[in-house]
Amino acid sequence: MAGLDFVLFEEPTGYAIFKVKLQQDNIGSRLKDVQAAANDLATFSKLVELVSFAPFKGAAQALENANDISEGLVSDYLKSVIELNIPKSEQQINLGISDKQLGPSIKEVFPYIDCHSNEVVQDLLRGIRLHSTKLLKNLQEGDIEKAQLGLGHAYSRTKVKFSVQKNDNHIIQAIALLDQLDKDINTYSMRVKEWYGWHFPELTRLVNDNHIYAKLVLKIQDKSNLSDDNLHDIAALVNDDAGLAQKIIDTAKISMGQDISETDMENILTFAQRTDSISTYRANLYKYLTDKMHVVAPNLSELIGEVVGARLISHAGSLTNLSKQAASTVQILGAEKALFRALKTKGNTPKYGLIYHSSFIGKAAPKNKGRISRYLANKCSIASRIDNFSDDANNIFGKVLKQQVEDRLEFYTTGKAPKKNSDAIKEALELSGASDLAEAPKEEQKEKKDKKEKKEKKEKKDKKEKKDKKEKKRKAEDDSEDKKDKKKKKKSKD
C-alpha cells in the first residue's frame, strides 16, 4: 500500500480531515515505545496536520450522519466536506477511514480516492481521538464527551424504535419460553405421577394427559375419601366423561397403593398445584403467541401454522432476516448440523429443517417429501416477504398460498394440474381489493408483446436485407468470374 495522504476523522461534533505529514511504518508499529509515542502531543502533531473541521449544525444533523455512516452511506454533508478539502488529482489519493464499509461508497462518489482502514490508520485515529481537544479548533474540555453521550442516546433510541403492533421480538421470546415450559411441564408431571403413584398407582394408567392428571390429584387428594358423590366433580375434570369418572372412583376403592401421611400429601399437593399453574400459563402463552403471529405474520401463520412460523422467525433472528433468506435456505433452516455433516462426509444433504413439523410434509408420500418441502419453502419465503414489507396486514395471500400447496399435494397424488402462480396471485389481489394492481400485469404483458412483435419484425427485415446483400455480392462475384473466364478464352484463341 502507498503512503496515506489524508485521514477522515468522524466524531459526534463533526467531520475533521487531517493531512498526513510523516508516513508511519507497519514494521514495529506494535512496539511499546511506538505505541507510547502516540500519547505525546508534541510527537504526534508532527505526524498529522488539521486541514479542516466541519462541525454539525445540531443534534439532528449529527444523528442523521451517524445513521448514514453505520449503514456505509456517504451523506451530502460528508460529500461536501471531502469535495472542499481533498483536491481532485489525476493520481490516486489515499484516504484513511475508521469504518471499511464506508470505503466503497466514497470510492463510488470520488473515483480518484482510495480508502484504507488498516492498522496504521487505526493508530493515527487513536492518536487524533486522544488529542482531539487540542487538535480541533474551537472545542473546549468536555464538549466531545457531552456530544458523545447525547448522540449515543439518540442513536440507541432510533435503533430500538418499533411498532407496538408489529414487533417480532416478543414472538422470539414467547416461542423460546414455550419450548422451555414444555420441557419443565414434562419433568414436573413425571415427578407428580411417580410421587402420587405410591398412593394411587392405577390413576396413571387411566389418565394420560399431564394437566388433567395434576388437576385430579388436587381434587382427589386422599383416595379413601373418594365416593360416588364426587362423580360430577371428577367428570368435569375429565372433559365430562362420566364413564371414565366412574372408573376412577371404582378403581380408587380397590387400589393397591399405600397410605401416606398428611405431611407427605401436603407436599405432593403443593407440587401438583405448581404443575397445574405452569400448565395453565403454558396454555395462555400459546394463545398469546397465536394472536401475536396473526398480527405480525398473518400470511406465514396461515400458510404453515403459528408455532412453526414462530420457530422460523426465531431461528432467522427476525421477520426481516427471514424475508431476506432464499427459499433454499428457508427449506433447511434448523438443519445446519446435518447439512455441514453431509458436506463434510460427502453424503446426502437434508431435505427439510424446521418446516418438517408442518402438516403438509406429514401428508406427503415418502418419495414426495423432498419435493413438497422445496415447494413449501418457496411459498414460506413469499409469505414472509409480504408480511414484512406490506403496510396492510391480512392473511389473504396466506390462504391462497396454502391452497396452492394443497393443490400441489393433490397433483403429486392424482396428477391433477394445479393452478398457475399468476392466476393465484391475481385471485389474491382481487380478494384484497387491489384489482387495479391485478390489471397492471395485463397492460405490461401487452406492451411486452408489442415490443416483442416489433423486435421480431425488425430482425426479419434485417435478415432479409443481409440476405439480399449477400445475394448481390455473390452475383457480382459470379459476374466478375465470368468476365475473367471470357478474357482467358479470348486470349487462348488469339
Protein backbone atom coordinates (compact mmCIF):
# COMPACT_ATOMS: atom_id res chain seq x y z
CA MET A 1 0.00 0.00 0.00
CA ALA A 2 1.22 3.52 -0.86
CA GLY A 3 1.53 6.13 1.88
CA LEU A 4 -1.55 7.83 3.33
CA ASP A 5 -2.35 11.34 2.13
CA PHE A 6 -5.33 12.22 4.34
CA VAL A 7 -7.28 10.82 7.30
CA LEU A 8 -11.02 11.28 7.82
CA PHE A 9 -11.97 11.55 11.50
CA GLU A 10 -15.68 11.16 12.32
CA GLU A 11 -16.77 12.28 15.76
CA PRO A 12 -20.01 13.44 17.43
CA THR A 13 -19.38 17.15 16.87
CA GLY A 14 -18.48 16.97 13.16
CA TYR A 15 -16.06 15.75 10.50
CA ALA A 16 -12.34 16.51 10.54
CA ILE A 17 -9.84 15.93 7.74
CA PHE A 18 -6.15 15.66 8.63
CA LYS A 19 -3.21 15.69 6.24
CA VAL A 20 -0.56 13.03 6.96
CA LYS A 21 2.85 14.73 7.09
CA LEU A 22 5.02 11.75 8.08
CA GLN A 23 4.24 8.21 7.00
CA GLN A 24 4.18 5.51 9.65
CA ASP A 25 5.71 2.12 9.01
CA ASN A 26 4.00 -1.20 9.67
CA ILE A 27 7.26 -2.62 10.97
CA GLY A 28 7.50 -2.17 14.71
CA SER A 29 4.11 -0.45 14.96
CA ARG A 30 3.12 -2.70 17.87
CA LEU A 31 6.22 -1.97 19.94
CA LYS A 32 5.56 -0.32 23.30
CA ASP A 33 7.77 2.69 22.50
CA VAL A 34 5.96 3.33 19.21
CA GLN A 35 2.54 2.96 20.86
CA ALA A 36 3.58 5.27 23.71
CA ALA A 37 4.78 7.93 21.23
CA ALA A 38 1.17 8.44 20.09
CA ASN A 39 0.28 9.54 23.63
CA ASP A 40 2.66 12.51 23.40
CA LEU A 41 1.01 15.51 21.67
CA ALA A 42 4.33 17.06 20.58
CA THR A 43 5.42 13.85 18.85
CA PHE A 44 2.01 13.08 17.37
CA SER A 45 1.46 16.60 15.98
CA LYS A 46 4.47 16.00 13.69
CA LEU A 47 2.59 13.15 12.00
CA VAL A 48 -0.72 14.88 11.14
CA GLU A 49 -1.94 18.41 10.42
CA LEU A 50 -5.56 19.62 10.56
CA VAL A 51 -6.87 20.61 7.12
CA SER A 52 -10.47 21.35 8.04
CA PHE A 53 -13.01 20.75 10.79
CA ALA A 54 -16.69 20.90 9.77
CA PRO A 55 -18.95 20.88 12.86
CA PHE A 56 -22.56 19.68 12.72
CA LYS A 57 -25.29 22.30 12.92
CA GLY A 58 -27.23 20.40 15.55
CA ALA A 59 -28.08 17.08 17.15
CA ALA A 60 -30.48 16.14 14.33
CA GLN A 61 -27.78 16.51 11.68
CA ALA A 62 -25.29 14.56 13.84
CA LEU A 63 -27.79 11.71 14.23
CA GLU A 64 -28.57 11.66 10.50
CA ASN A 65 -24.87 11.42 9.61
CA ALA A 66 -24.27 8.74 12.28
CA ASN A 67 -27.07 6.63 10.77
CA ASP A 68 -25.63 7.04 7.27
CA ILE A 69 -22.12 6.03 8.39
CA SER A 70 -23.44 2.97 10.26
CA GLU A 71 -25.08 1.83 7.00
CA GLY A 72 -21.96 2.60 4.93
CA LEU A 73 -23.51 5.58 3.08
CA VAL A 74 -21.97 8.94 2.15
CA SER A 75 -24.24 11.77 3.29
CA ASP A 76 -24.50 15.06 1.37
CA TYR A 77 -22.68 16.83 4.21
CA LEU A 78 -19.75 14.40 4.17
CA LYS A 79 -19.63 14.60 0.39
CA SER A 80 -19.32 18.41 0.51
CA VAL A 81 -16.62 18.20 3.24
CA ILE A 82 -14.48 15.79 1.18
CA GLU A 83 -15.10 17.74 -2.03
CA LEU A 84 -13.98 21.04 -0.48
CA ASN A 85 -10.91 19.80 1.41
CA ILE A 86 -9.41 16.98 -0.67
CA PRO A 87 -8.27 18.37 -4.04
CA LYS A 88 -9.09 16.43 -7.19
CA SER A 89 -5.99 14.85 -8.65
CA GLU A 90 -5.01 12.71 -11.63
CA GLN A 91 -3.08 10.47 -9.26
CA GLN A 92 -4.93 8.32 -6.74
CA ILE A 93 -5.29 9.86 -3.27
CA ASN A 94 -5.09 7.53 -0.25
CA LEU A 95 -7.63 8.35 2.48
CA GLY A 96 -7.66 6.65 5.88
CA ILE A 97 -11.10 5.88 7.37
CA SER A 98 -12.25 4.13 10.54
CA ASP A 99 -15.07 2.01 9.05
CA LYS A 100 -14.14 -0.06 5.99
CA GLN A 101 -17.83 -0.32 4.97
CA LEU A 102 -17.74 3.38 4.14
CA GLY A 103 -14.88 2.86 1.64
CA PRO A 104 -16.87 1.56 -1.39
CA SER A 105 -19.42 4.40 -1.05
CA ILE A 106 -16.68 7.06 -1.02
CA LYS A 107 -14.96 5.35 -3.98
CA GLU A 108 -18.24 5.41 -5.92
CA VAL A 109 -18.67 9.18 -5.42
CA PHE A 110 -14.95 10.06 -5.68
CA PRO A 111 -13.24 7.61 -8.08
CA TYR A 112 -9.82 9.25 -7.52
CA ILE A 113 -9.83 8.40 -3.77
CA ASP A 114 -8.67 5.01 -2.44
CA CYS A 115 -9.90 4.27 1.09
CA HIS A 116 -7.88 2.29 3.63
CA SER A 117 -8.75 1.03 7.11
CA ASN A 118 -5.65 -0.86 8.26
CA GLU A 119 -3.65 -0.93 11.49
CA VAL A 120 -1.66 2.22 10.62
CA VAL A 121 -4.89 4.16 10.03
CA GLN A 122 -6.37 2.93 13.32
CA ASP A 123 -3.23 4.05 15.20
CA LEU A 124 -3.48 7.53 13.67
CA LEU A 125 -7.20 7.75 14.50
CA ARG A 126 -6.48 6.62 18.06
CA GLY A 127 -3.97 9.45 18.46
CA ILE A 128 -6.36 12.01 16.91
CA ARG A 129 -9.14 10.85 19.24
CA LEU A 130 -6.81 11.13 22.23
CA HIS A 131 -5.65 14.68 21.39
CA SER A 132 -8.88 15.85 19.69
CA THR A 133 -9.49 18.71 22.13
CA LYS A 134 -6.05 20.19 21.28
CA LEU A 135 -6.00 19.39 17.55
CA LEU A 136 -9.56 20.54 16.73
CA LYS A 137 -10.23 24.27 16.91
CA ASN A 138 -12.98 25.97 18.95
CA LEU A 139 -13.53 22.93 21.17
CA GLN A 140 -13.43 23.15 24.94
CA GLU A 141 -12.73 20.46 27.51
CA GLY A 142 -15.78 18.23 27.91
CA ASP A 143 -17.56 19.22 24.67
CA ILE A 144 -16.77 15.94 22.92
CA GLU A 145 -17.86 13.85 25.94
CA LYS A 146 -21.22 15.66 26.09
CA ALA A 147 -21.72 15.26 22.35
CA GLN A 148 -20.84 11.54 22.56
CA LEU A 149 -23.35 11.00 25.35
CA GLY A 150 -26.19 12.85 23.58
CA LEU A 151 -25.54 11.24 20.19
CA GLY A 152 -25.20 7.79 21.79
CA HIS A 153 -28.60 8.09 23.46
CA ALA A 154 -30.26 9.44 20.30
CA TYR A 155 -28.71 6.74 18.10
CA SER A 156 -29.78 4.00 20.52
CA ARG A 157 -33.33 5.35 20.63
CA THR A 158 -33.63 5.23 16.82
CA LYS A 159 -32.33 1.67 16.73
CA VAL A 160 -34.78 0.31 19.31
CA LYS A 161 -37.84 2.15 17.96
CA PHE A 162 -40.53 -0.28 16.83
CA SER A 163 -44.22 -0.59 16.13
CA VAL A 164 -46.02 -1.91 19.18
CA GLN A 165 -48.43 -3.85 16.96
CA LYS A 166 -45.81 -5.26 14.58
CA ASN A 167 -42.90 -6.45 16.68
CA ASP A 168 -41.35 -9.88 16.28
CA ASN A 169 -39.10 -9.71 19.36
CA HIS A 170 -42.00 -10.85 21.56
CA ILE A 171 -42.61 -13.81 19.24
CA ILE A 172 -38.98 -14.92 19.56
CA GLN A 173 -39.14 -14.73 23.36
CA ALA A 174 -42.57 -16.42 23.52
CA ILE A 175 -41.60 -19.44 21.39
CA ALA A 176 -38.37 -19.90 23.37
CA LEU A 177 -40.34 -19.78 26.63
CA LEU A 178 -42.95 -22.18 25.20
CA ASP A 179 -40.26 -24.76 24.42
CA GLN A 180 -38.78 -24.37 27.91
CA LEU A 181 -42.21 -24.74 29.54
CA ASP A 182 -42.90 -27.94 27.57
CA LYS A 183 -39.71 -29.48 28.95
CA ASP A 184 -40.45 -28.30 32.51
CA ILE A 185 -44.07 -29.50 32.43
CA ASN A 186 -43.00 -32.94 31.23
CA THR A 187 -40.41 -33.19 34.02
CA TYR A 188 -42.79 -31.93 36.71
CA SER A 189 -45.66 -34.18 35.53
CA MET A 190 -43.41 -37.24 35.54
CA ARG A 191 -42.37 -36.41 39.12
CA VAL A 192 -46.01 -35.89 40.23
CA LYS A 193 -47.07 -39.23 38.69
CA GLU A 194 -44.16 -41.05 40.29
CA TRP A 195 -44.73 -39.44 43.70
CA TYR A 196 -48.54 -39.72 43.81
CA GLY A 197 -48.28 -43.19 42.21
CA TRP A 198 -47.21 -44.61 45.56
CA HIS A 199 -50.66 -43.70 46.86
CA PHE A 200 -52.86 -44.25 43.77
CA PRO A 201 -50.81 -46.09 41.06
CA GLU A 202 -53.80 -47.03 38.86
CA LEU A 203 -54.61 -43.37 38.08
CA THR A 204 -51.54 -43.10 35.80
CA ARG A 205 -52.94 -45.82 33.53
CA LEU A 206 -56.44 -44.30 33.43
CA VAL A 207 -55.42 -40.68 32.65
CA ASN A 208 -52.69 -39.87 30.10
CA ASP A 209 -52.99 -36.07 29.93
CA ASN A 210 -50.47 -34.40 32.29
CA HIS A 211 -52.58 -31.32 33.03
CA ILE A 212 -55.74 -33.34 33.79
CA TYR A 213 -53.71 -35.70 36.00
CA ALA A 214 -52.42 -32.77 38.10
CA LYS A 215 -55.98 -31.42 38.47
CA LEU A 216 -57.24 -34.87 39.54
CA VAL A 217 -54.50 -35.14 42.16
CA LEU A 218 -55.59 -31.79 43.60
CA LYS A 219 -59.26 -32.89 43.58
CA ILE A 220 -58.91 -36.49 44.86
CA GLN A 221 -56.10 -35.96 47.39
CA ASP A 222 -56.60 -38.98 49.69
CA LYS A 223 -58.22 -41.80 47.65
CA SER A 224 -60.04 -43.17 50.70
CA ASN A 225 -62.27 -40.06 50.74
CA LEU A 226 -63.37 -40.58 47.12
CA SER A 227 -67.03 -41.71 46.76
CA ASP A 228 -69.89 -41.69 44.24
CA ASP A 229 -70.85 -38.22 45.47
CA ASN A 230 -67.72 -36.89 43.74
CA LEU A 231 -68.76 -38.26 40.32
CA HIS A 232 -69.94 -34.91 38.95
CA ASP A 233 -66.75 -33.06 40.03
CA ILE A 234 -64.44 -35.77 38.64
CA ALA A 235 -66.37 -35.87 35.34
CA ALA A 236 -65.95 -32.09 34.95
CA LEU A 237 -62.14 -32.53 35.11
CA VAL A 238 -62.05 -35.36 32.51
CA ASN A 239 -63.99 -33.49 29.79
CA ASP A 240 -67.44 -34.60 31.06
CA ASP A 241 -66.63 -38.29 30.53
CA ALA A 242 -68.93 -39.90 33.13
CA GLY A 243 -67.74 -43.42 32.29
CA LEU A 244 -64.07 -42.54 32.95
CA ALA A 245 -65.03 -40.67 36.14
CA GLN A 246 -66.93 -43.70 37.47
CA LYS A 247 -64.00 -45.94 36.56
CA ILE A 248 -61.61 -43.72 38.56
CA ILE A 249 -63.92 -43.85 41.61
CA ASP A 250 -64.31 -47.63 41.39
CA THR A 251 -60.55 -48.15 40.92
CA ALA A 252 -59.79 -45.93 43.94
CA LYS A 253 -61.87 -48.24 46.17
CA ILE A 254 -59.78 -51.31 45.25
CA SER A 255 -56.44 -49.53 44.71
CA MET A 256 -53.25 -51.30 45.84
CA GLY A 257 -51.49 -48.02 46.73
CA GLN A 258 -50.14 -47.35 50.18
CA ASP A 259 -51.49 -44.84 52.66
CA ILE A 260 -49.38 -41.70 53.18
CA SER A 261 -49.17 -39.17 55.97
CA GLU A 262 -50.72 -35.69 55.90
CA THR A 263 -47.30 -34.04 55.64
CA ASP A 264 -46.37 -36.11 52.58
CA MET A 265 -49.75 -35.43 50.99
CA GLU A 266 -49.36 -31.71 51.60
CA ASN A 267 -46.02 -31.68 49.74
CA ILE A 268 -47.46 -33.70 46.86
CA LEU A 269 -50.41 -31.29 46.56
CA THR A 270 -48.12 -28.24 46.64
CA PHE A 271 -46.06 -29.69 43.80
CA ALA A 272 -49.20 -30.69 41.85
CA GLN A 273 -50.51 -27.13 42.30
CA ARG A 274 -47.26 -25.79 40.79
CA THR A 275 -47.54 -28.19 37.83
CA ASP A 276 -51.17 -27.18 37.28
CA SER A 277 -50.36 -23.45 37.34
CA ILE A 278 -47.46 -23.86 34.89
CA SER A 279 -49.68 -25.91 32.52
CA THR A 280 -52.35 -23.19 32.69
CA TYR A 281 -49.76 -20.50 31.98
CA ARG A 282 -48.47 -22.55 29.04
CA ALA A 283 -51.98 -22.62 27.52
CA ASN A 284 -52.32 -18.84 27.96
CA LEU A 285 -48.87 -18.27 26.46
CA TYR A 286 -49.78 -20.38 23.43
CA LYS A 287 -52.93 -18.28 22.90
CA TYR A 288 -50.83 -15.09 23.20
CA LEU A 289 -48.32 -16.43 20.64
CA THR A 290 -51.12 -17.36 18.24
CA ASP A 291 -52.70 -13.89 18.47
CA LYS A 292 -49.31 -12.20 18.08
CA MET A 293 -48.44 -14.26 15.00
CA HIS A 294 -51.76 -13.30 13.37
CA VAL A 295 -50.81 -9.62 13.87
CA VAL A 296 -47.10 -9.74 12.92
CA ALA A 297 -47.04 -12.50 10.28
CA PRO A 298 -50.63 -13.34 9.29
CA ASN A 299 -49.76 -14.90 5.92
CA LEU A 300 -46.93 -17.04 7.26
CA SER A 301 -49.04 -18.30 10.18
CA GLU A 302 -51.96 -19.03 7.83
CA LEU A 303 -49.69 -20.97 5.50
CA ILE A 304 -47.55 -23.07 7.83
CA GLY A 305 -49.07 -22.61 11.30
CA GLU A 306 -48.34 -20.27 14.18
CA VAL A 307 -45.81 -22.43 16.05
CA VAL A 308 -43.73 -23.47 13.01
CA GLY A 309 -43.84 -19.89 11.69
CA ALA A 310 -42.68 -18.57 15.08
CA ARG A 311 -39.82 -21.11 15.10
CA LEU A 312 -38.72 -19.95 11.64
CA ILE A 313 -38.75 -16.29 12.76
CA SER A 314 -36.87 -17.18 15.96
CA HIS A 315 -34.22 -19.19 14.12
CA ALA A 316 -33.70 -16.49 11.48
CA GLY A 317 -33.42 -13.80 14.20
CA SER A 318 -36.30 -11.63 12.99
CA LEU A 319 -39.04 -11.48 10.38
CA THR A 320 -36.87 -9.13 8.31
CA ASN A 321 -33.99 -11.62 8.31
CA LEU A 322 -36.36 -14.43 7.35
CA SER A 323 -37.77 -12.39 4.46
CA LYS A 324 -34.22 -11.84 3.15
CA GLN A 325 -33.46 -15.57 3.11
CA ALA A 326 -33.64 -17.53 -0.13
CA ALA A 327 -36.22 -20.31 -0.36
CA SER A 328 -33.43 -22.91 -0.39
CA THR A 329 -32.16 -21.52 2.94
CA VAL A 330 -35.66 -21.50 4.48
CA GLN A 331 -36.06 -25.14 3.43
CA ILE A 332 -33.11 -26.35 5.59
CA LEU A 333 -33.40 -23.73 8.33
CA GLY A 334 -32.83 -25.62 11.58
CA ALA A 335 -30.88 -28.49 9.97
CA GLU A 336 -27.49 -26.76 9.79
CA LYS A 337 -25.64 -29.51 11.65
CA ALA A 338 -26.96 -32.19 9.31
CA LEU A 339 -26.10 -30.01 6.30
CA PHE A 340 -22.47 -29.43 7.30
CA ARG A 341 -22.07 -33.05 8.33
CA ALA A 342 -23.35 -34.11 4.90
CA LEU A 343 -20.98 -31.70 3.17
CA LYS A 344 -18.06 -32.95 5.26
CA THR A 345 -18.79 -36.64 4.68
CA LYS A 346 -19.99 -36.06 1.09
CA GLY A 347 -23.33 -37.65 1.95
CA ASN A 348 -26.91 -36.65 1.13
CA THR A 349 -27.87 -33.15 2.26
CA PRO A 350 -31.05 -32.75 4.39
CA LYS A 351 -34.33 -32.12 2.56
CA TYR A 352 -36.00 -30.12 5.33
CA GLY A 353 -35.38 -28.42 8.64
CA LEU A 354 -37.99 -26.77 10.86
CA ILE A 355 -40.66 -26.96 8.13
CA TYR A 356 -40.70 -30.76 8.65
CA HIS A 357 -43.16 -30.12 11.52
CA SER A 358 -45.67 -28.68 9.04
CA SER A 359 -48.74 -30.82 8.36
CA PHE A 360 -48.02 -30.70 4.60
CA ILE A 361 -44.80 -32.72 4.98
CA GLY A 362 -46.67 -35.34 7.04
CA LYS A 363 -49.41 -35.66 4.39
CA ALA A 364 -46.95 -36.20 1.53
CA ALA A 365 -45.81 -39.67 0.46
CA PRO A 366 -42.18 -40.55 1.38
CA LYS A 367 -40.97 -40.11 -2.22
CA ASN A 368 -42.62 -36.65 -2.43
CA LYS A 369 -41.48 -35.22 0.93
CA GLY A 370 -38.41 -33.54 -0.59
CA ARG A 371 -40.41 -32.05 -3.46
CA ILE A 372 -43.20 -30.68 -1.27
CA SER A 373 -40.70 -29.28 1.28
CA ARG A 374 -38.96 -27.36 -1.53
CA TYR A 375 -42.31 -26.04 -2.78
CA LEU A 376 -43.46 -25.16 0.74
CA ALA A 377 -40.21 -23.31 1.50
CA ASN A 378 -40.75 -21.26 -1.64
CA LYS A 379 -44.25 -20.25 -0.50
CA CYS A 380 -42.99 -19.51 3.05
CA SER A 381 -40.38 -17.17 1.60
CA ILE A 382 -43.07 -15.31 -0.38
CA ALA A 383 -45.40 -15.13 2.66
CA SER A 384 -42.66 -13.77 4.95
CA ARG A 385 -41.78 -11.05 2.43
CA ILE A 386 -45.42 -10.00 2.09
CA ASP A 387 -45.77 -9.87 5.90
CA ASN A 388 -42.57 -7.90 6.37
CA PHE A 389 -42.90 -5.32 3.63
CA SER A 390 -46.67 -4.80 3.27
CA ASP A 391 -48.37 -1.98 5.17
CA ASP A 392 -51.82 -3.57 5.24
CA ALA A 393 -51.61 -6.80 7.27
CA ASN A 394 -54.08 -9.52 6.20
CA ASN A 395 -53.97 -13.26 5.60
CA ILE A 396 -55.46 -13.32 2.08
CA PHE A 397 -52.17 -14.19 0.39
CA GLY A 398 -51.53 -16.83 3.05
CA LYS A 399 -54.85 -18.55 2.23
CA VAL A 400 -54.10 -18.53 -1.49
CA LEU A 401 -50.55 -19.83 -0.97
CA LYS A 402 -51.87 -22.55 1.34
CA GLN A 403 -54.38 -23.61 -1.30
CA GLN A 404 -51.52 -23.76 -3.82
CA VAL A 405 -49.56 -26.15 -1.57
CA GLU A 406 -52.66 -28.33 -1.11
CA ASP A 407 -53.19 -28.38 -4.89
CA ARG A 408 -49.56 -29.38 -5.36
CA LEU A 409 -50.01 -32.26 -2.91
CA GLU A 410 -53.07 -33.37 -4.86
CA PHE A 411 -51.06 -33.14 -8.09
CA TYR A 412 -48.40 -35.47 -6.66
CA THR A 413 -51.13 -37.95 -5.66
CA THR A 414 -53.65 -37.82 -8.53
CA GLY A 415 -51.85 -35.92 -11.29
CA LYS A 416 -54.45 -33.12 -11.40
CA ALA A 417 -52.81 -29.95 -12.76
CA PRO A 418 -52.51 -27.20 -10.08
CA LYS A 419 -53.36 -23.54 -10.55
CA LYS A 420 -50.68 -21.30 -12.12
CA ASN A 421 -48.84 -18.81 -9.91
CA SER A 422 -50.04 -15.83 -11.98
CA ASP A 423 -53.67 -16.90 -11.58
CA ALA A 424 -53.25 -17.48 -7.84
CA ILE A 425 -51.66 -14.07 -7.25
CA LYS A 426 -54.32 -12.39 -9.39
CA GLU A 427 -57.00 -14.05 -7.27
CA ALA A 428 -55.29 -12.86 -4.07
CA LEU A 429 -55.06 -9.29 -5.40
CA GLU A 430 -58.75 -9.30 -6.29
CA LEU A 431 -59.69 -10.62 -2.84
CA SER A 432 -57.56 -7.96 -1.15
CA GLY A 433 -59.26 -5.22 -3.18
CA ALA A 434 -56.19 -4.39 -5.28
CA SER A 435 -57.81 -5.25 -8.60
CA ASP A 436 -56.08 -2.28 -10.23
CA LEU A 437 -52.78 -3.93 -9.44
CA ALA A 438 -54.09 -7.16 -10.92
CA GLU A 439 -54.91 -5.35 -14.17
CA ALA A 440 -51.46 -3.77 -14.34
CA PRO A 441 -49.67 -7.00 -15.38
CA LYS A 442 -52.07 -7.34 -18.36
CA GLU A 443 -51.04 -3.92 -19.68
CA GLU A 444 -47.40 -4.76 -19.11
CA GLN A 445 -47.85 -8.08 -20.94
CA LYS A 446 -49.49 -6.26 -23.86
CA GLU A 447 -46.63 -3.77 -24.02
CA LYS A 448 -44.08 -6.59 -23.87
CA LYS A 449 -45.95 -8.44 -26.62
CA ASP A 450 -45.98 -5.33 -28.85
CA LYS A 451 -42.26 -4.78 -28.24
CA LYS A 452 -41.55 -8.42 -29.00
CA GLU A 453 -43.50 -8.25 -32.27
CA LYS A 454 -41.69 -5.06 -33.31
CA LYS A 455 -38.37 -6.65 -32.46
CA GLU A 456 -39.21 -9.77 -34.46
CA LYS A 457 -40.28 -7.68 -37.46
CA LYS A 458 -37.07 -5.69 -37.28
CA GLU A 459 -35.00 -8.85 -37.03
CA LYS A 460 -36.78 -10.36 -40.05
CA LYS A 461 -36.21 -7.17 -42.01
CA ASP A 462 -32.52 -7.11 -41.08
CA LYS A 463 -32.14 -10.78 -42.02
CA LYS A 464 -33.81 -10.13 -45.38
CA GLU A 465 -31.55 -7.13 -46.06
CA LYS A 466 -28.46 -9.16 -45.13
CA LYS A 467 -29.61 -11.99 -47.37
CA ASP A 468 -30.21 -9.60 -50.29
CA LYS A 469 -26.78 -8.07 -49.78
CA LYS A 470 -25.15 -11.49 -49.79
CA GLU A 471 -27.00 -12.49 -52.96
CA LYS A 472 -25.97 -9.24 -54.70
CA LYS A 473 -22.39 -9.76 -53.60
CA ARG A 474 -22.44 -13.37 -54.78
CA LYS A 475 -23.92 -12.31 -58.17
CA ALA A 476 -21.28 -9.61 -58.53
CA GLU A 477 -18.55 -12.16 -57.77
CA ASP A 478 -20.05 -14.63 -60.28
CA ASP A 479 -20.20 -11.90 -62.95
CA SER A 480 -16.59 -10.93 -62.32
CA GLU A 481 -15.50 -14.59 -62.56
CA ASP A 482 -17.45 -14.99 -65.83
CA LYS A 483 -15.74 -11.92 -67.28
CA LYS A 484 -12.33 -13.29 -66.26
CA ASP A 485 -13.12 -16.66 -67.90
CA LYS A 486 -14.21 -14.91 -71.13
CA LYS A 487 -10.98 -12.89 -71.19
CA LYS A 488 -8.90 -16.03 -70.68
CA LYS A 489 -10.75 -17.87 -73.50
CA LYS A 490 -10.26 -14.89 -75.83
CA LYS A 491 -6.55 -14.76 -75.08
CA SER A 492 -6.19 -18.52 -75.67
CA LYS A 493 -7.90 -18.18 -79.11
CA ASP A 494 -5.55 -15.35 -80.07
